[in-house]
Amino acid sequence: MHSASVATQPAARCPALLKPLLSWMSPAQDVVSLNYWVLKELGHPWTKFSAGFASRPTLLAWGAKNESVARRRFEQEASRVLDDMSSHAPGAARAWVLKDARFARTLPLWWPKLSQPVCIIPYRHPAEVASSSILRSVAVWESYLVAALSSARALGCPTLLLPYHGWMRSDEAARAQLQVLSHFLQAAGVRGLDEPPPWLLNATIQRSAQHQHATQASLRVTAQLTASARCLWKRLNAGSALDQPASSTGKLCERNG
């Protein structure tokens, strides 16, 4: 069994800030490649979700013709990744980070191999994500967040929601959010944490005029948001997004926004 923190959403500063606090962060390509392959074997495009996944995320069914072969390959490659992570951790009490947006869907497969994992879900305004992503899609933002929330809820994973704007608003707000992150990890029983060094925030977060301009430009597409995306955004900021399961259609809010 392995100890880990799992970050399930991209486009935020959380994984970079976690690295100095913990002992090791996963080589991104190893985890991403395996998760991509898993999703292909499950028979679903990585941008879409099978019917009912949001309400029953642990019931993943392999779509490969040779299911036992696919499952065995996943078991072997996942174990290799986790053994490598543990080998870099100085002492059994040290924790480390796995990060990939696709954990929103694949975490139920990794779950039996993890010991006392915690889940961290960074989130960003859907209009900002849509304006900076390849797909320009608010629907993908909503699908992945609902999947991350649903997987964490179904698995009983201790979960922290961290807003991107909490890092970018000001130095004071970023320091406060870093303390929230540190306290969450301690309360969840993550051992071997280092005290956040004074230089961490300045070295990790760069607030620039270009970034602020891009943010303002992205907000112009806010009017295009669906009612369910608006509702999810409100619930994320209110801290209530984990309070109830998603519907079978993959929505946390069906009618109101």
C-alpha atoms as a PDB file:
ATOM      1  CA  MET A   1       0.000   0.000   0.000  1.00  0.00           C
ATOM      2  CA  HIS A   2       1.182   3.534  -0.686  1.00  0.00           C
ATOM      3  CA  SER A   3       0.528   6.928   0.896  1.00  0.00           C
ATOM      4  CA  ALA A   4      -0.417   9.679  -1.500  1.00  0.00           C
ATOM      5  CA  SER A   5      -2.140  12.972  -2.102  1.00  0.00           C
ATOM      6  CA  VAL A   6      -4.103  12.991  -5.355  1.00  0.00           C
ATOM      7  CA  ALA A   7      -4.689  16.213  -7.275  1.00  0.00           C
ATOM      8  CA  THR A   8      -7.487  15.733  -9.780  1.00  0.00           C
ATOM      9  CA  GLN A   9      -7.820  18.974 -11.691  1.00  0.00           C
ATOM     10  CA  PRO A  10      -5.354  20.956 -13.883  1.00  0.00           C
ATOM     11  CA  ALA A  11      -4.918  24.683 -14.463  1.00  0.00           C
ATOM     12  CA  ALA A  12      -4.190  25.643 -10.889  1.00  0.00           C
ATOM     13  CA  ARG A  13      -1.163  26.157  -8.642  1.00  0.00           C
ATOM     14  CA  CYS A  14      -1.883  23.514  -6.042  1.00  0.00           C
ATOM     15  CA  PRO A  15       0.471  20.721  -7.243  1.00  0.00           C
ATOM     16  CA  ALA A  16       3.428  23.111  -7.581  1.00  0.00           C
ATOM     17  CA  LEU A  17       2.804  24.420  -4.078  1.00  0.00           C
ATOM     18  CA  LEU A  18       2.487  20.919  -2.671  1.00  0.00           C
ATOM     19  CA  LYS A  19       5.902  19.837  -3.887  1.00  0.00           C
ATOM     20  CA  PRO A  20       8.037  21.627  -1.254  1.00  0.00           C
ATOM     21  CA  LEU A  21       5.672  20.444   1.509  1.00  0.00           C
ATOM     22  CA  LEU A  22       5.818  16.764   0.596  1.00  0.00           C
ATOM     23  CA  SER A  23       8.630  14.549  -0.571  1.00  0.00           C
ATOM     24  CA  TRP A  24       7.971  13.669  -4.209  1.00  0.00           C
ATOM     25  CA  MET A  25       5.634  14.398  -7.108  1.00  0.00           C
ATOM     26  CA  SER A  26       4.808  11.897  -9.809  1.00  0.00           C
ATOM     27  CA  PRO A  27       6.592  12.133 -13.173  1.00  0.00           C
ATOM     28  CA  ALA A  28       3.633  13.556 -15.069  1.00  0.00           C
ATOM     29  CA  GLN A  29       4.084  11.564 -18.267  1.00  0.00           C
ATOM     30  CA  ASP A  30       4.065   8.168 -16.545  1.00  0.00           C
ATOM     31  CA  VAL A  31       0.761   8.815 -14.799  1.00  0.00           C
ATOM     32  CA  VAL A  32      -0.870  10.662 -17.703  1.00  0.00           C
ATOM     33  CA  SER A  33       0.092   7.967 -20.216  1.00  0.00           C
ATOM     34  CA  LEU A  34      -1.282   5.198 -18.026  1.00  0.00           C
ATOM     35  CA  ASN A  35      -4.516   7.080 -17.344  1.00  0.00           C
ATOM     36  CA  TYR A  36      -4.935   7.810 -21.077  1.00  0.00           C
ATOM     37  CA  TRP A  37      -4.485   4.119 -21.847  1.00  0.00           C
ATOM     38  CA  VAL A  38      -6.937   3.117 -19.099  1.00  0.00           C
ATOM     39  CA  LEU A  39      -9.624   5.424 -20.471  1.00  0.00           C
ATOM     40  CA  LYS A  40      -9.110   3.984 -23.946  1.00  0.00           C
ATOM     41  CA  GLU A  41      -9.434   0.445 -22.598  1.00  0.00           C
ATOM     42  CA  LEU A  42     -12.554   1.433 -20.704  1.00  0.00           C
ATOM     43  CA  GLY A  43     -13.974   2.375 -24.090  1.00  0.00           C
ATOM     44  CA  HIS A  44     -14.691   6.069 -23.458  1.00  0.00           C
ATOM     45  CA  PRO A  45     -13.278   9.239 -25.058  1.00  0.00           C
ATOM     46  CA  TRP A  46     -11.260  11.121 -22.440  1.00  0.00           C
ATOM     47  CA  THR A  47     -13.485  14.203 -22.875  1.00  0.00           C
ATOM     48  CA  LYS A  48     -16.762  12.374 -22.283  1.00  0.00           C
ATOM     49  CA  PHE A  49     -18.283  10.193 -19.613  1.00  0.00           C
ATOM     50  CA  SER A  50     -20.351   7.067 -19.837  1.00  0.00           C
ATOM     51  CA  ALA A  51     -23.975   7.256 -18.791  1.00  0.00           C
ATOM     52  CA  GLY A  52     -24.360   6.954 -15.047  1.00  0.00           C
ATOM     53  CA  PHE A  53     -20.688   7.527 -14.225  1.00  0.00           C
ATOM     54  CA  ALA A  54     -21.385  10.591 -12.058  1.00  0.00           C
ATOM     55  CA  SER A  55     -23.815   8.705  -9.857  1.00  0.00           C
ATOM     56  CA  ARG A  56     -21.830   5.431  -9.775  1.00  0.00           C
ATOM     57  CA  PRO A  57     -18.158   6.278 -10.439  1.00  0.00           C
ATOM     58  CA  THR A  58     -16.768   3.143  -8.792  1.00  0.00           C
ATOM     59  CA  LEU A  59     -18.533   0.837 -11.262  1.00  0.00           C
ATOM     60  CA  LEU A  60     -15.946   1.056 -14.031  1.00  0.00           C
ATOM     61  CA  ALA A  61     -16.251  -1.716 -16.607  1.00  0.00           C
ATOM     62  CA  TRP A  62     -13.323  -2.576 -18.843  1.00  0.00           C
ATOM     63  CA  GLY A  63     -14.254  -2.419 -22.505  1.00  0.00           C
ATOM     64  CA  ALA A  64     -11.267  -4.397 -23.770  1.00  0.00           C
ATOM     65  CA  LYS A  65     -11.825  -7.731 -25.490  1.00  0.00           C
ATOM     66  CA  ASN A  66      -9.171  -9.268 -23.245  1.00  0.00           C
ATOM     67  CA  GLU A  67     -10.309  -7.801 -19.946  1.00  0.00           C
ATOM     68  CA  SER A  68      -7.983  -9.869 -17.784  1.00  0.00           C
ATOM     69  CA  VAL A  69      -4.972  -8.837 -19.870  1.00  0.00           C
ATOM     70  CA  ALA A  70      -5.916  -5.150 -19.695  1.00  0.00           C
ATOM     71  CA  ARG A  71      -6.526  -5.293 -15.968  1.00  0.00           C
ATOM     72  CA  ARG A  72      -3.241  -7.137 -15.374  1.00  0.00           C
ATOM     73  CA  ARG A  73      -1.329  -4.560 -17.402  1.00  0.00           C
ATOM     74  CA  PHE A  74      -2.874  -1.733 -15.385  1.00  0.00           C
ATOM     75  CA  GLU A  75      -2.056  -3.478 -12.112  1.00  0.00           C
ATOM     76  CA  GLN A  76       1.569  -3.952 -13.148  1.00  0.00           C
ATOM     77  CA  GLU A  77       2.136  -0.444 -14.480  1.00  0.00           C
ATOM     78  CA  ALA A  78       0.314   1.273 -11.617  1.00  0.00           C
ATOM     79  CA  SER A  79       2.361  -0.721  -9.111  1.00  0.00           C
ATOM     80  CA  ARG A  80       5.553   0.305 -10.893  1.00  0.00           C
ATOM     81  CA  VAL A  81       4.590   3.987 -10.702  1.00  0.00           C
ATOM     82  CA  LEU A  82       3.683   3.741  -7.023  1.00  0.00           C
ATOM     83  CA  ASP A  83       6.818   1.764  -6.122  1.00  0.00           C
ATOM     84  CA  ASP A  84       8.887   4.435  -7.841  1.00  0.00           C
ATOM     85  CA  MET A  85       7.093   7.128  -5.861  1.00  0.00           C
ATOM     86  CA  SER A  86       7.748   5.322  -2.596  1.00  0.00           C
ATOM     87  CA  SER A  87      11.407   4.826  -3.450  1.00  0.00           C
ATOM     88  CA  HIS A  88      11.881   8.611  -3.582  1.00  0.00           C
ATOM     89  CA  ALA A  89      10.161   9.187  -0.253  1.00  0.00           C
ATOM     90  CA  PRO A  90      12.758   9.328   2.557  1.00  0.00           C
ATOM     91  CA  GLY A  91      11.048   7.214   5.183  1.00  0.00           C
ATOM     92  CA  ALA A  92       7.741   5.411   5.410  1.00  0.00           C
ATOM     93  CA  ALA A  93       6.017   8.432   6.941  1.00  0.00           C
ATOM     94  CA  ARG A  94       6.672  10.700   3.979  1.00  0.00           C
ATOM     95  CA  ALA A  95       3.850  11.471   1.557  1.00  0.00           C
ATOM     96  CA  TRP A  96       3.924  12.343  -2.116  1.00  0.00           C
ATOM     97  CA  VAL A  97       1.648  13.613  -4.889  1.00  0.00           C
ATOM     98  CA  LEU A  98       0.019  12.052  -7.919  1.00  0.00           C
ATOM     99  CA  LYS A  99      -1.497  14.666 -10.228  1.00  0.00           C
ATOM    100  CA  ASP A 100      -3.588  14.286 -13.358  1.00  0.00           C
ATOM    101  CA  ALA A 101      -7.034  15.561 -14.312  1.00  0.00           C
ATOM    102  CA  ARG A 102      -7.956  12.058 -15.481  1.00  0.00           C
ATOM    103  CA  PHE A 103      -7.910  10.812 -11.891  1.00  0.00           C
ATOM    104  CA  ALA A 104     -11.408  12.295 -11.871  1.00  0.00           C
ATOM    105  CA  ARG A 105     -12.374   9.094 -13.684  1.00  0.00           C
ATOM    106  CA  THR A 106      -9.602   6.585 -13.002  1.00  0.00           C
ATOM    107  CA  LEU A 107      -9.158   7.077  -9.247  1.00  0.00           C
ATOM    108  CA  PRO A 108     -11.484   4.136  -8.404  1.00  0.00           C
ATOM    109  CA  LEU A 109      -8.986   1.822 -10.146  1.00  0.00           C
ATOM    110  CA  TRP A 110      -5.976   3.244  -8.280  1.00  0.00           C
ATOM    111  CA  TRP A 111      -7.804   3.429  -4.964  1.00  0.00           C
ATOM    112  CA  PRO A 112      -7.151  -0.138  -3.670  1.00  0.00           C
ATOM    113  CA  LYS A 113      -3.407   0.466  -4.045  1.00  0.00           C
ATOM    114  CA  LEU A 114      -3.329   3.640  -1.930  1.00  0.00           C
ATOM    115  CA  SER A 115      -3.030   3.861   1.825  1.00  0.00           C
ATOM    116  CA  GLN A 116      -4.746   6.821   3.528  1.00  0.00           C
ATOM    117  CA  PRO A 117      -4.932   8.968   0.385  1.00  0.00           C
ATOM    118  CA  VAL A 118      -6.362  12.478   0.381  1.00  0.00           C
ATOM    119  CA  CYS A 119      -7.865  14.275  -2.611  1.00  0.00           C
ATOM    120  CA  ILE A 120      -7.208  17.884  -3.576  1.00  0.00           C
ATOM    121  CA  ILE A 121      -9.407  19.412  -6.266  1.00  0.00           C
ATOM    122  CA  PRO A 122      -8.147  22.779  -7.521  1.00  0.00           C
ATOM    123  CA  TYR A 123     -10.755  24.635  -9.546  1.00  0.00           C
ATOM    124  CA  ARG A 124     -10.846  27.700 -11.760  1.00  0.00           C
ATOM    125  CA  HIS A 125     -13.628  29.796 -13.247  1.00  0.00           C
ATOM    126  CA  PRO A 126     -15.171  27.852 -16.161  1.00  0.00           C
ATOM    127  CA  ALA A 127     -14.871  30.796 -18.541  1.00  0.00           C
ATOM    128  CA  GLU A 128     -11.145  31.073 -17.838  1.00  0.00           C
ATOM    129  CA  VAL A 129     -10.663  27.359 -18.409  1.00  0.00           C
ATOM    130  CA  ALA A 130     -12.698  27.385 -21.606  1.00  0.00           C
ATOM    131  CA  SER A 131     -10.795  30.372 -23.009  1.00  0.00           C
ATOM    132  CA  SER A 132      -7.382  28.799 -22.369  1.00  0.00           C
ATOM    133  CA  SER A 133      -8.047  25.130 -23.193  1.00  0.00           C
ATOM    134  CA  ILE A 134      -7.690  23.433 -26.564  1.00  0.00           C
ATOM    135  CA  LEU A 135     -11.343  22.416 -26.674  1.00  0.00           C
ATOM    136  CA  ARG A 136     -12.710  25.818 -25.571  1.00  0.00           C
ATOM    137  CA  SER A 137     -15.375  23.879 -23.714  1.00  0.00           C
ATOM    138  CA  VAL A 138     -17.218  24.736 -20.509  1.00  0.00           C
ATOM    139  CA  ALA A 139     -18.895  21.322 -20.768  1.00  0.00           C
ATOM    140  CA  VAL A 140     -15.540  19.553 -20.353  1.00  0.00           C
ATOM    141  CA  TRP A 141     -14.785  21.720 -17.290  1.00  0.00           C
ATOM    142  CA  GLU A 142     -18.125  20.744 -15.783  1.00  0.00           C
ATOM    143  CA  SER A 143     -17.798  17.050 -16.647  1.00  0.00           C
ATOM    144  CA  TYR A 144     -14.364  16.678 -15.112  1.00  0.00           C
ATOM    145  CA  LEU A 145     -15.211  18.563 -11.948  1.00  0.00           C
ATOM    146  CA  VAL A 146     -18.421  16.608 -11.431  1.00  0.00           C
ATOM    147  CA  ALA A 147     -16.477  13.387 -12.022  1.00  0.00           C
ATOM    148  CA  ALA A 148     -13.767  14.424  -9.540  1.00  0.00           C
ATOM    149  CA  LEU A 149     -16.340  15.358  -6.924  1.00  0.00           C
ATOM    150  CA  SER A 150     -18.330  12.172  -7.530  1.00  0.00           C
ATOM    151  CA  SER A 151     -15.284   9.894  -7.351  1.00  0.00           C
ATOM    152  CA  ALA A 152     -13.979  11.523  -4.176  1.00  0.00           C
ATOM    153  CA  ARG A 153     -17.425  11.355  -2.579  1.00  0.00           C
ATOM    154  CA  ALA A 154     -18.094   7.737  -3.549  1.00  0.00           C
ATOM    155  CA  LEU A 155     -14.678   6.596  -2.325  1.00  0.00           C
ATOM    156  CA  GLY A 156     -14.882   8.550   0.917  1.00  0.00           C
ATOM    157  CA  CYS A 157     -11.657  10.380   0.156  1.00  0.00           C
ATOM    158  CA  PRO A 158     -10.905  13.350   2.466  1.00  0.00           C
ATOM    159  CA  THR A 159     -11.196  16.200  -0.025  1.00  0.00           C
ATOM    160  CA  LEU A 160     -10.127  19.833  -0.182  1.00  0.00           C
ATOM    161  CA  LEU A 161     -11.485  22.231  -2.813  1.00  0.00           C
ATOM    162  CA  LEU A 162      -8.964  24.965  -3.644  1.00  0.00           C
ATOM    163  CA  PRO A 163      -9.883  27.973  -5.836  1.00  0.00           C
ATOM    164  CA  TYR A 164      -7.347  29.223  -8.368  1.00  0.00           C
ATOM    165  CA  HIS A 165      -8.301  32.813  -7.594  1.00  0.00           C
ATOM    166  CA  GLY A 166      -7.290  32.238  -3.994  1.00  0.00           C
ATOM    167  CA  TRP A 167      -3.670  32.096  -5.136  1.00  0.00           C
ATOM    168  CA  MET A 168      -3.889  34.980  -7.575  1.00  0.00           C
ATOM    169  CA  ARG A 169      -5.878  37.619  -5.668  1.00  0.00           C
ATOM    170  CA  SER A 170      -3.112  38.896  -3.382  1.00  0.00           C
ATOM    171  CA  ASP A 171      -0.088  37.815  -1.358  1.00  0.00           C
ATOM    172  CA  GLU A 172      -2.177  37.822   1.792  1.00  0.00           C
ATOM    173  CA  ALA A 173      -4.897  35.657   0.254  1.00  0.00           C
ATOM    174  CA  ALA A 174      -2.295  33.237  -1.124  1.00  0.00           C
ATOM    175  CA  ARG A 175      -0.628  32.891   2.290  1.00  0.00           C
ATOM    176  CA  ALA A 176      -4.005  32.215   3.876  1.00  0.00           C
ATOM    177  CA  GLN A 177      -4.829  29.561   1.271  1.00  0.00           C
ATOM    178  CA  LEU A 178      -1.441  27.901   1.732  1.00  0.00           C
ATOM    179  CA  GLN A 179      -2.216  27.620   5.447  1.00  0.00           C
ATOM    180  CA  VAL A 180      -5.620  26.094   4.618  1.00  0.00           C
ATOM    181  CA  LEU A 181      -3.844  23.516   2.454  1.00  0.00           C
ATOM    182  CA  SER A 182      -1.245  22.754   5.115  1.00  0.00           C
ATOM    183  CA  HIS A 183      -3.848  22.445   7.886  1.00  0.00           C
ATOM    184  CA  PHE A 184      -6.021  20.170   5.738  1.00  0.00           C
ATOM    185  CA  LEU A 185      -3.135  17.795   5.094  1.00  0.00           C
ATOM    186  CA  GLN A 186      -2.239  17.707   8.776  1.00  0.00           C
ATOM    187  CA  ALA A 187      -5.851  17.141   9.847  1.00  0.00           C
ATOM    188  CA  ALA A 188      -6.181  14.340   7.290  1.00  0.00           C
ATOM    189  CA  GLY A 189      -3.257  12.564   8.923  1.00  0.00           C
ATOM    190  CA  VAL A 190      -0.646  13.224   6.244  1.00  0.00           C
ATOM    191  CA  ARG A 191       2.644  12.804   8.091  1.00  0.00           C
ATOM    192  CA  GLY A 192       6.130  14.105   7.420  1.00  0.00           C
ATOM    193  CA  LEU A 193       5.041  17.531   6.180  1.00  0.00           C
ATOM    194  CA  ASP A 194       7.583  20.315   5.945  1.00  0.00           C
ATOM    195  CA  GLU A 195       6.778  23.835   7.107  1.00  0.00           C
ATOM    196  CA  PRO A 196       6.071  26.037   4.043  1.00  0.00           C
ATOM    197  CA  PRO A 197       9.263  28.042   3.385  1.00  0.00           C
ATOM    198  CA  PRO A 198       8.931  31.870   3.201  1.00  0.00           C
ATOM    199  CA  TRP A 199      10.036  31.941  -0.443  1.00  0.00           C
ATOM    200  CA  LEU A 200       7.451  29.425  -1.644  1.00  0.00           C
ATOM    201  CA  LEU A 201       4.649  31.726  -2.768  1.00  0.00           C
ATOM    202  CA  ASN A 202       6.861  34.276  -4.543  1.00  0.00           C
ATOM    203  CA  ALA A 203       8.739  31.509  -6.341  1.00  0.00           C
ATOM    204  CA  THR A 204       5.595  29.699  -7.467  1.00  0.00           C
ATOM    205  CA  ILE A 205       3.026  32.396  -8.192  1.00  0.00           C
ATOM    206  CA  GLN A 206       3.660  35.138 -10.735  1.00  0.00           C
ATOM    207  CA  ARG A 207       0.925  37.700 -11.084  1.00  0.00           C
ATOM    208  CA  SER A 208       1.386  39.622 -14.294  1.00  0.00           C
ATOM    209  CA  ALA A 209      -0.540  42.242 -16.222  1.00  0.00           C
ATOM    210  CA  GLN A 210      -0.796  39.751 -19.075  1.00  0.00           C
ATOM    211  CA  HIS A 211      -2.419  37.161 -16.821  1.00  0.00           C
ATOM    212  CA  GLN A 212      -4.917  39.681 -15.448  1.00  0.00           C
ATOM    213  CA  HIS A 213      -5.729  40.844 -18.977  1.00  0.00           C
ATOM    214  CA  ALA A 214      -6.303  37.241 -20.091  1.00  0.00           C
ATOM    215  CA  THR A 215      -8.549  36.674 -17.114  1.00  0.00           C
ATOM    216  CA  GLN A 216     -10.683  39.703 -17.917  1.00  0.00           C
ATOM    217  CA  ALA A 217     -10.952  38.634 -21.543  1.00  0.00           C
ATOM    218  CA  SER A 218     -12.073  35.151 -20.547  1.00  0.00           C
ATOM    219  CA  LEU A 219     -14.807  36.518 -18.323  1.00  0.00           C
ATOM    220  CA  ARG A 220     -16.523  37.941 -21.409  1.00  0.00           C
ATOM    221  CA  VAL A 221     -17.697  34.423 -22.270  1.00  0.00           C
ATOM    222  CA  THR A 222     -19.392  34.073 -18.897  1.00  0.00           C
ATOM    223  CA  ALA A 223     -22.731  34.859 -20.531  1.00  0.00           C
ATOM    224  CA  GLN A 224     -22.398  31.586 -22.448  1.00  0.00           C
ATOM    225  CA  LEU A 225     -22.339  29.462 -19.292  1.00  0.00           C
ATOM    226  CA  THR A 226     -25.150  26.980 -18.811  1.00  0.00           C
ATOM    227  CA  ALA A 227     -27.329  27.099 -15.719  1.00  0.00           C
ATOM    228  CA  SER A 228     -25.760  23.884 -14.417  1.00  0.00           C
ATOM    229  CA  ALA A 229     -22.207  25.265 -14.856  1.00  0.00           C
ATOM    230  CA  ARG A 230     -23.186  28.474 -13.021  1.00  0.00           C
ATOM    231  CA  CYS A 231     -24.710  26.409 -10.235  1.00  0.00           C
ATOM    232  CA  LEU A 232     -21.598  24.201  -9.932  1.00  0.00           C
ATOM    233  CA  TRP A 233     -19.386  27.300  -9.742  1.00  0.00           C
ATOM    234  CA  LYS A 234     -21.524  28.719  -6.944  1.00  0.00           C
ATOM    235  CA  ARG A 235     -21.441  25.460  -5.022  1.00  0.00           C
ATOM    236  CA  LEU A 236     -17.684  25.160  -5.376  1.00  0.00           C
ATOM    237  CA  ASN A 237     -17.185  28.605  -3.899  1.00  0.00           C
ATOM    238  CA  ALA A 238     -19.737  27.968  -1.169  1.00  0.00           C
ATOM    239  CA  GLY A 239     -17.951  24.745  -0.215  1.00  0.00           C
ATOM    240  CA  SER A 240     -21.108  22.683  -0.780  1.00  0.00           C
ATOM    241  CA  ALA A 241     -20.192  20.914  -4.020  1.00  0.00           C
ATOM    242  CA  LEU A 242     -19.529  17.644  -2.180  1.00  0.00           C
ATOM    243  CA  ASP A 243     -22.751  17.697  -0.179  1.00  0.00           C
ATOM    244  CA  GLN A 244     -24.910  15.764  -2.625  1.00  0.00           C
ATOM    245  CA  PRO A 245     -24.303  13.265  -5.438  1.00  0.00           C
ATOM    246  CA  ALA A 246     -24.636  14.192  -9.081  1.00  0.00           C
ATOM    247  CA  SER A 247     -27.604  12.987 -11.089  1.00  0.00           C
ATOM    248  CA  SER A 248     -27.359  10.151 -13.594  1.00  0.00           C
ATOM    249  CA  THR A 249     -27.019  12.798 -16.315  1.00  0.00           C
ATOM    250  CA  GLY A 250     -23.798  14.060 -14.742  1.00  0.00           C
ATOM    251  CA  LYS A 251     -25.147  17.309 -13.288  1.00  0.00           C
ATOM    252  CA  LEU A 252     -25.040  18.679  -9.765  1.00  0.00           C
ATOM    253  CA  CYS A 253     -27.788  21.157 -10.633  1.00  0.00           C
ATOM    254  CA  GLU A 254     -30.499  20.364 -13.137  1.00  0.00           C
ATOM    255  CA  ARG A 255     -32.758  23.376 -13.069  1.00  0.00           C
ATOM    256  CA  ASN A 256     -31.359  26.307 -11.187  1.00  0.00           C
ATOM    257  CA  GLY A 257     -28.098  28.146 -11.534  1.00  0.00           C
END
